[in-house]
Amino acid sequence: MSSVSEADEAVLAEIEEQTGVSYDPDSRRVEFDGVATDTEQYVSLVAYLAENGYLTHEDLPVSAAHAQTRYLVNSTASHEDRDMVRPREAADGMYLETNHDSASKARYSGRFIEDFALGR
């Protein structure tokens, strides 16, 4: 039995359909299933969350759980005096740091889905 509501299941299905990113909340497993690269799907997920009101400018900046020198998502492509290494503008005025390995992109994607899309 899934740990999410029917509404959250619908959100997860929509995210997968629109971005190719699938998420299993029970195992917290993320898969990049589309034909695009994991970076393109990572950007697409954040763009989807922003365009559909799940992630807003009021939520920024979003940082990693561990102390880091750069934000994951910010309103500028910098964090204090440090620029993002590979910023991508995922949505209007929302910059995503994409300089992560595939496992980190999957982990952060799961966190974005958990924190911003589920249970709202």
N, C-alpha and C. Protein backbone atom coordinates (compact mmCIF):
# COMPACT_ATOMS: atom_id res chain seq x y z
N MET A 1 0.84 -1.19 0.00
CA MET A 1 0.00 0.00 0.00
C MET A 1 0.88 1.25 0.00
N SER A 2 0.56 2.17 -0.84
CA SER A 2 1.35 3.39 -0.97
C SER A 2 1.12 4.31 0.22
N SER A 3 2.15 5.08 0.54
CA SER A 3 2.07 6.01 1.66
C SER A 3 1.56 7.38 1.24
N VAL A 4 1.15 7.55 -0.01
CA VAL A 4 0.69 8.85 -0.48
C VAL A 4 -0.80 8.83 -0.78
N SER A 5 -1.39 10.00 -0.74
CA SER A 5 -2.81 10.14 -1.02
C SER A 5 -3.08 10.01 -2.52
N GLU A 6 -4.35 9.88 -2.85
CA GLU A 6 -4.72 9.82 -4.28
C GLU A 6 -4.32 11.11 -4.99
N ALA A 7 -4.46 12.25 -4.30
CA ALA A 7 -4.08 13.53 -4.90
C ALA A 7 -2.57 13.55 -5.20
N ASP A 8 -1.77 13.05 -4.26
CA ASP A 8 -0.33 12.99 -4.49
C ASP A 8 0.02 12.01 -5.59
N GLU A 9 -0.68 10.90 -5.68
CA GLU A 9 -0.45 9.95 -6.78
C GLU A 9 -0.71 10.62 -8.12
N ALA A 10 -1.76 11.45 -8.18
CA ALA A 10 -2.06 12.17 -9.42
C ALA A 10 -0.94 13.16 -9.76
N VAL A 11 -0.41 13.84 -8.74
CA VAL A 11 0.70 14.77 -8.95
C VAL A 11 1.93 14.02 -9.46
N LEU A 12 2.24 12.89 -8.85
CA LEU A 12 3.40 12.10 -9.28
C LEU A 12 3.24 11.62 -10.72
N ALA A 13 2.03 11.20 -11.09
CA ALA A 13 1.78 10.76 -12.46
C ALA A 13 1.95 11.92 -13.44
N GLU A 14 1.48 13.10 -13.07
CA GLU A 14 1.61 14.28 -13.92
C GLU A 14 3.08 14.67 -14.07
N ILE A 15 3.83 14.64 -12.98
CA ILE A 15 5.26 14.95 -13.04
C ILE A 15 5.97 13.98 -13.99
N GLU A 16 5.67 12.71 -13.85
CA GLU A 16 6.31 11.72 -14.73
C GLU A 16 5.93 11.94 -16.19
N GLU A 17 4.66 12.21 -16.42
CA GLU A 17 4.19 12.43 -17.80
C GLU A 17 4.85 13.65 -18.42
N GLN A 18 4.96 14.72 -17.65
CA GLN A 18 5.46 15.99 -18.18
C GLN A 18 6.98 16.09 -18.23
N THR A 19 7.67 15.39 -17.33
CA THR A 19 9.12 15.56 -17.23
C THR A 19 9.93 14.29 -17.47
N GLY A 20 9.28 13.13 -17.39
CA GLY A 20 10.01 11.87 -17.50
C GLY A 20 10.68 11.45 -16.20
N VAL A 21 10.46 12.20 -15.14
CA VAL A 21 11.05 11.89 -13.84
C VAL A 21 10.02 11.12 -13.03
N SER A 22 10.36 9.89 -12.65
CA SER A 22 9.44 9.11 -11.82
C SER A 22 9.98 9.06 -10.40
N TYR A 23 9.04 9.03 -9.45
CA TYR A 23 9.42 9.04 -8.04
C TYR A 23 8.55 8.06 -7.28
N ASP A 24 9.19 7.18 -6.52
CA ASP A 24 8.48 6.24 -5.66
C ASP A 24 8.65 6.73 -4.22
N PRO A 25 7.59 7.28 -3.62
CA PRO A 25 7.72 7.83 -2.27
C PRO A 25 8.02 6.79 -1.20
N ASP A 26 7.67 5.54 -1.43
CA ASP A 26 7.94 4.50 -0.44
C ASP A 26 9.44 4.18 -0.36
N SER A 27 10.08 4.05 -1.51
CA SER A 27 11.51 3.75 -1.53
C SER A 27 12.36 5.02 -1.69
N ARG A 28 11.68 6.13 -2.01
CA ARG A 28 12.34 7.42 -2.28
C ARG A 28 13.28 7.32 -3.48
N ARG A 29 12.94 6.44 -4.39
CA ARG A 29 13.75 6.23 -5.59
C ARG A 29 13.26 7.13 -6.73
N VAL A 30 14.22 7.76 -7.38
CA VAL A 30 13.96 8.62 -8.54
C VAL A 30 14.58 7.96 -9.75
N GLU A 31 13.85 7.99 -10.85
CA GLU A 31 14.40 7.51 -12.12
C GLU A 31 14.16 8.56 -13.18
N PHE A 32 15.18 8.79 -13.98
CA PHE A 32 15.07 9.68 -15.13
C PHE A 32 14.74 8.79 -16.33
N ASP A 33 13.47 8.78 -16.72
CA ASP A 33 13.00 7.82 -17.72
C ASP A 33 12.87 8.35 -19.13
N GLY A 34 12.98 9.63 -19.31
CA GLY A 34 12.78 10.19 -20.63
C GLY A 34 13.98 10.00 -21.53
N VAL A 35 13.88 10.51 -22.73
CA VAL A 35 14.96 10.39 -23.69
C VAL A 35 16.03 11.45 -23.49
N ALA A 36 15.70 12.49 -22.75
CA ALA A 36 16.67 13.56 -22.51
C ALA A 36 17.73 13.09 -21.50
N THR A 37 18.78 13.87 -21.38
CA THR A 37 19.81 13.56 -20.39
C THR A 37 19.25 13.78 -18.99
N ASP A 38 19.94 13.24 -17.99
CA ASP A 38 19.48 13.45 -16.63
C ASP A 38 19.49 14.94 -16.28
N THR A 39 20.43 15.70 -16.83
CA THR A 39 20.45 17.14 -16.58
C THR A 39 19.21 17.80 -17.16
N GLU A 40 18.85 17.44 -18.39
CA GLU A 40 17.65 18.03 -19.00
C GLU A 40 16.40 17.69 -18.20
N GLN A 41 16.32 16.47 -17.72
CA GLN A 41 15.15 16.07 -16.93
C GLN A 41 15.15 16.75 -15.56
N TYR A 42 16.31 16.94 -14.98
CA TYR A 42 16.45 17.64 -13.70
C TYR A 42 15.95 19.08 -13.85
N VAL A 43 16.39 19.76 -14.91
CA VAL A 43 15.94 21.12 -15.20
C VAL A 43 14.44 21.12 -15.47
N SER A 44 13.98 20.15 -16.25
CA SER A 44 12.56 20.05 -16.59
C SER A 44 11.69 19.87 -15.34
N LEU A 45 12.17 19.09 -14.38
CA LEU A 45 11.42 18.90 -13.14
C LEU A 45 11.27 20.21 -12.39
N VAL A 46 12.36 20.94 -12.22
CA VAL A 46 12.31 22.21 -11.49
C VAL A 46 11.44 23.21 -12.26
N ALA A 47 11.55 23.23 -13.58
CA ALA A 47 10.70 24.11 -14.39
C ALA A 47 9.23 23.75 -14.19
N TYR A 48 8.91 22.47 -14.21
CA TYR A 48 7.53 22.02 -13.99
C TYR A 48 7.02 22.48 -12.62
N LEU A 49 7.84 22.27 -11.59
CA LEU A 49 7.42 22.67 -10.23
C LEU A 49 7.17 24.17 -10.15
N ALA A 50 8.03 24.95 -10.80
CA ALA A 50 7.87 26.41 -10.79
C ALA A 50 6.65 26.84 -11.60
N GLU A 51 6.51 26.30 -12.80
CA GLU A 51 5.41 26.69 -13.68
C GLU A 51 4.04 26.31 -13.13
N ASN A 52 4.00 25.31 -12.27
CA ASN A 52 2.73 24.86 -11.71
C ASN A 52 2.52 25.32 -10.27
N GLY A 53 3.35 26.26 -9.82
CA GLY A 53 3.15 26.90 -8.52
C GLY A 53 3.59 26.09 -7.31
N TYR A 54 4.28 24.99 -7.54
CA TYR A 54 4.76 24.20 -6.41
C TYR A 54 6.01 24.83 -5.79
N LEU A 55 6.88 25.34 -6.62
CA LEU A 55 8.11 26.01 -6.19
C LEU A 55 7.97 27.47 -6.59
N THR A 56 8.04 28.36 -5.60
CA THR A 56 7.85 29.78 -5.88
C THR A 56 9.09 30.58 -5.47
N HIS A 57 9.11 31.82 -5.88
CA HIS A 57 10.24 32.68 -5.52
C HIS A 57 10.34 32.85 -4.01
N GLU A 58 9.23 32.73 -3.30
CA GLU A 58 9.26 32.83 -1.85
C GLU A 58 10.00 31.65 -1.21
N ASP A 59 10.10 30.53 -1.93
CA ASP A 59 10.81 29.34 -1.43
C ASP A 59 12.33 29.46 -1.58
N LEU A 60 12.78 30.43 -2.34
CA LEU A 60 14.20 30.57 -2.65
C LEU A 60 14.94 31.30 -1.55
N PRO A 61 16.19 31.02 -1.36
CA PRO A 61 16.99 29.99 -2.02
C PRO A 61 16.73 28.62 -1.41
N VAL A 62 16.99 27.59 -2.21
CA VAL A 62 16.91 26.21 -1.75
C VAL A 62 18.34 25.70 -1.67
N SER A 63 18.72 25.22 -0.50
CA SER A 63 20.08 24.73 -0.33
C SER A 63 20.07 23.24 -0.10
N ALA A 64 21.23 22.64 -0.24
CA ALA A 64 21.38 21.22 0.03
C ALA A 64 21.27 21.00 1.54
N ALA A 65 20.98 19.79 1.93
CA ALA A 65 20.84 19.47 3.35
C ALA A 65 22.15 19.68 4.10
N HIS A 66 23.25 19.41 3.46
CA HIS A 66 24.56 19.58 4.08
C HIS A 66 25.10 20.96 3.73
N ALA A 67 25.97 21.45 4.54
CA ALA A 67 26.57 22.76 4.27
C ALA A 67 27.22 22.74 2.90
N GLN A 68 26.89 23.74 2.11
CA GLN A 68 27.43 23.81 0.77
C GLN A 68 27.75 25.25 0.44
N THR A 69 28.60 25.45 -0.51
CA THR A 69 28.99 26.80 -0.88
C THR A 69 28.08 27.41 -1.94
N ARG A 70 27.21 26.61 -2.53
CA ARG A 70 26.29 27.13 -3.55
C ARG A 70 24.89 26.59 -3.27
N TYR A 71 23.89 27.38 -3.62
CA TYR A 71 22.51 26.95 -3.50
C TYR A 71 22.16 25.98 -4.63
N LEU A 72 21.14 25.15 -4.40
CA LEU A 72 20.63 24.29 -5.46
C LEU A 72 19.78 25.11 -6.42
N VAL A 73 18.89 25.92 -5.86
CA VAL A 73 18.03 26.80 -6.65
C VAL A 73 18.07 28.18 -6.00
N ASN A 74 18.23 29.20 -6.81
CA ASN A 74 18.29 30.56 -6.28
C ASN A 74 17.75 31.53 -7.32
N SER A 75 17.47 32.75 -6.89
CA SER A 75 16.97 33.77 -7.80
C SER A 75 18.08 34.40 -8.64
N THR A 76 19.33 34.10 -8.29
CA THR A 76 20.48 34.50 -9.10
C THR A 76 21.38 33.28 -9.24
N ALA A 77 22.30 33.37 -10.17
CA ALA A 77 23.21 32.23 -10.40
C ALA A 77 24.42 32.31 -9.48
N SER A 78 24.19 32.81 -8.27
CA SER A 78 25.30 32.91 -7.33
C SER A 78 24.81 32.71 -5.90
N HIS A 79 25.75 32.51 -5.00
CA HIS A 79 25.50 32.35 -3.57
C HIS A 79 26.56 33.18 -2.89
N GLU A 80 26.13 34.29 -2.32
CA GLU A 80 27.04 35.25 -1.72
C GLU A 80 28.11 35.62 -2.75
N ASP A 81 29.35 35.26 -2.52
CA ASP A 81 30.40 35.65 -3.47
C ASP A 81 30.82 34.52 -4.40
N ARG A 82 30.06 33.43 -4.43
CA ARG A 82 30.41 32.28 -5.28
C ARG A 82 29.35 32.08 -6.35
N ASP A 83 29.78 31.98 -7.58
CA ASP A 83 28.85 31.70 -8.68
C ASP A 83 28.56 30.21 -8.75
N MET A 84 27.37 29.88 -9.28
CA MET A 84 27.06 28.48 -9.56
C MET A 84 28.04 28.03 -10.64
N VAL A 85 28.39 26.76 -10.64
CA VAL A 85 29.33 26.23 -11.61
C VAL A 85 28.66 26.04 -12.97
N ARG A 86 27.50 25.39 -12.98
CA ARG A 86 26.74 25.17 -14.21
C ARG A 86 25.28 25.56 -14.00
N PRO A 87 25.00 26.85 -13.90
CA PRO A 87 23.62 27.28 -13.67
C PRO A 87 22.77 27.13 -14.92
N ARG A 88 21.53 26.79 -14.71
CA ARG A 88 20.54 26.76 -15.80
C ARG A 88 19.31 27.51 -15.30
N GLU A 89 18.78 28.39 -16.10
CA GLU A 89 17.56 29.08 -15.72
C GLU A 89 16.41 28.11 -15.99
N ALA A 90 15.88 27.51 -14.94
CA ALA A 90 14.83 26.51 -15.06
C ALA A 90 13.47 27.16 -15.27
N ALA A 91 13.29 28.32 -14.70
CA ALA A 91 12.05 29.08 -14.84
C ALA A 91 12.44 30.55 -14.76
N ASP A 92 11.51 31.42 -15.01
CA ASP A 92 11.79 32.85 -15.01
C ASP A 92 12.36 33.27 -13.66
N GLY A 93 13.65 33.62 -13.66
CA GLY A 93 14.30 34.08 -12.45
C GLY A 93 14.60 33.00 -11.44
N MET A 94 14.63 31.73 -11.85
CA MET A 94 15.00 30.63 -10.96
C MET A 94 16.15 29.86 -11.60
N TYR A 95 17.29 29.92 -10.95
CA TYR A 95 18.49 29.29 -11.46
C TYR A 95 18.77 28.01 -10.67
N LEU A 96 19.06 26.96 -11.40
CA LEU A 96 19.33 25.64 -10.84
C LEU A 96 20.79 25.28 -11.07
N GLU A 97 21.46 24.88 -10.01
CA GLU A 97 22.84 24.38 -10.15
C GLU A 97 22.76 22.97 -10.71
N THR A 98 23.39 22.73 -11.83
CA THR A 98 23.33 21.41 -12.47
C THR A 98 24.66 20.66 -12.39
N ASN A 99 25.62 21.21 -11.68
CA ASN A 99 26.94 20.58 -11.57
C ASN A 99 26.92 19.49 -10.50
N HIS A 100 26.15 18.43 -10.75
CA HIS A 100 26.03 17.30 -9.83
C HIS A 100 26.11 16.01 -10.63
N ASP A 101 26.54 14.93 -9.99
CA ASP A 101 26.51 13.64 -10.66
C ASP A 101 25.06 13.13 -10.71
N SER A 102 24.84 12.07 -11.46
CA SER A 102 23.48 11.54 -11.64
C SER A 102 22.81 11.17 -10.33
N ALA A 103 23.55 10.56 -9.42
CA ALA A 103 22.97 10.16 -8.13
C ALA A 103 22.52 11.37 -7.33
N SER A 104 23.29 12.43 -7.36
CA SER A 104 22.91 13.65 -6.64
C SER A 104 21.69 14.31 -7.28
N LYS A 105 21.65 14.34 -8.60
CA LYS A 105 20.48 14.91 -9.28
C LYS A 105 19.23 14.13 -8.91
N ALA A 106 19.33 12.82 -8.85
CA ALA A 106 18.19 11.99 -8.46
C ALA A 106 17.80 12.28 -7.01
N ARG A 107 18.76 12.36 -6.12
CA ARG A 107 18.49 12.64 -4.71
C ARG A 107 17.83 14.00 -4.54
N TYR A 108 18.37 15.03 -5.19
CA TYR A 108 17.79 16.36 -5.09
C TYR A 108 16.40 16.42 -5.74
N SER A 109 16.22 15.68 -6.83
CA SER A 109 14.90 15.64 -7.48
C SER A 109 13.86 15.08 -6.51
N GLY A 110 14.21 13.99 -5.84
CA GLY A 110 13.29 13.41 -4.85
C GLY A 110 12.97 14.40 -3.75
N ARG A 111 13.98 15.11 -3.31
CA ARG A 111 13.76 16.12 -2.27
C ARG A 111 12.84 17.23 -2.76
N PHE A 112 13.05 17.72 -4.00
CA PHE A 112 12.18 18.76 -4.54
C PHE A 112 10.73 18.29 -4.61
N ILE A 113 10.53 17.04 -5.05
CA ILE A 113 9.17 16.49 -5.14
C ILE A 113 8.57 16.40 -3.75
N GLU A 114 9.31 15.83 -2.81
CA GLU A 114 8.82 15.69 -1.41
C GLU A 114 8.50 17.05 -0.80
N ASP A 115 9.44 17.97 -0.92
CA ASP A 115 9.29 19.26 -0.23
C ASP A 115 8.29 20.20 -0.87
N PHE A 116 8.15 20.15 -2.19
CA PHE A 116 7.35 21.17 -2.86
C PHE A 116 6.09 20.67 -3.54
N ALA A 117 5.99 19.39 -3.89
CA ALA A 117 4.82 18.93 -4.65
C ALA A 117 3.87 18.07 -3.84
N LEU A 118 4.39 17.22 -2.97
CA LEU A 118 3.52 16.30 -2.25
C LEU A 118 2.91 16.94 -1.01
N GLY A 119 1.67 16.59 -0.75
CA GLY A 119 0.99 17.05 0.44
C GLY A 119 0.53 18.49 0.40
N ARG A 120 0.48 19.07 -0.76
CA ARG A 120 0.04 20.47 -0.87
C ARG A 120 -1.38 20.55 -1.33
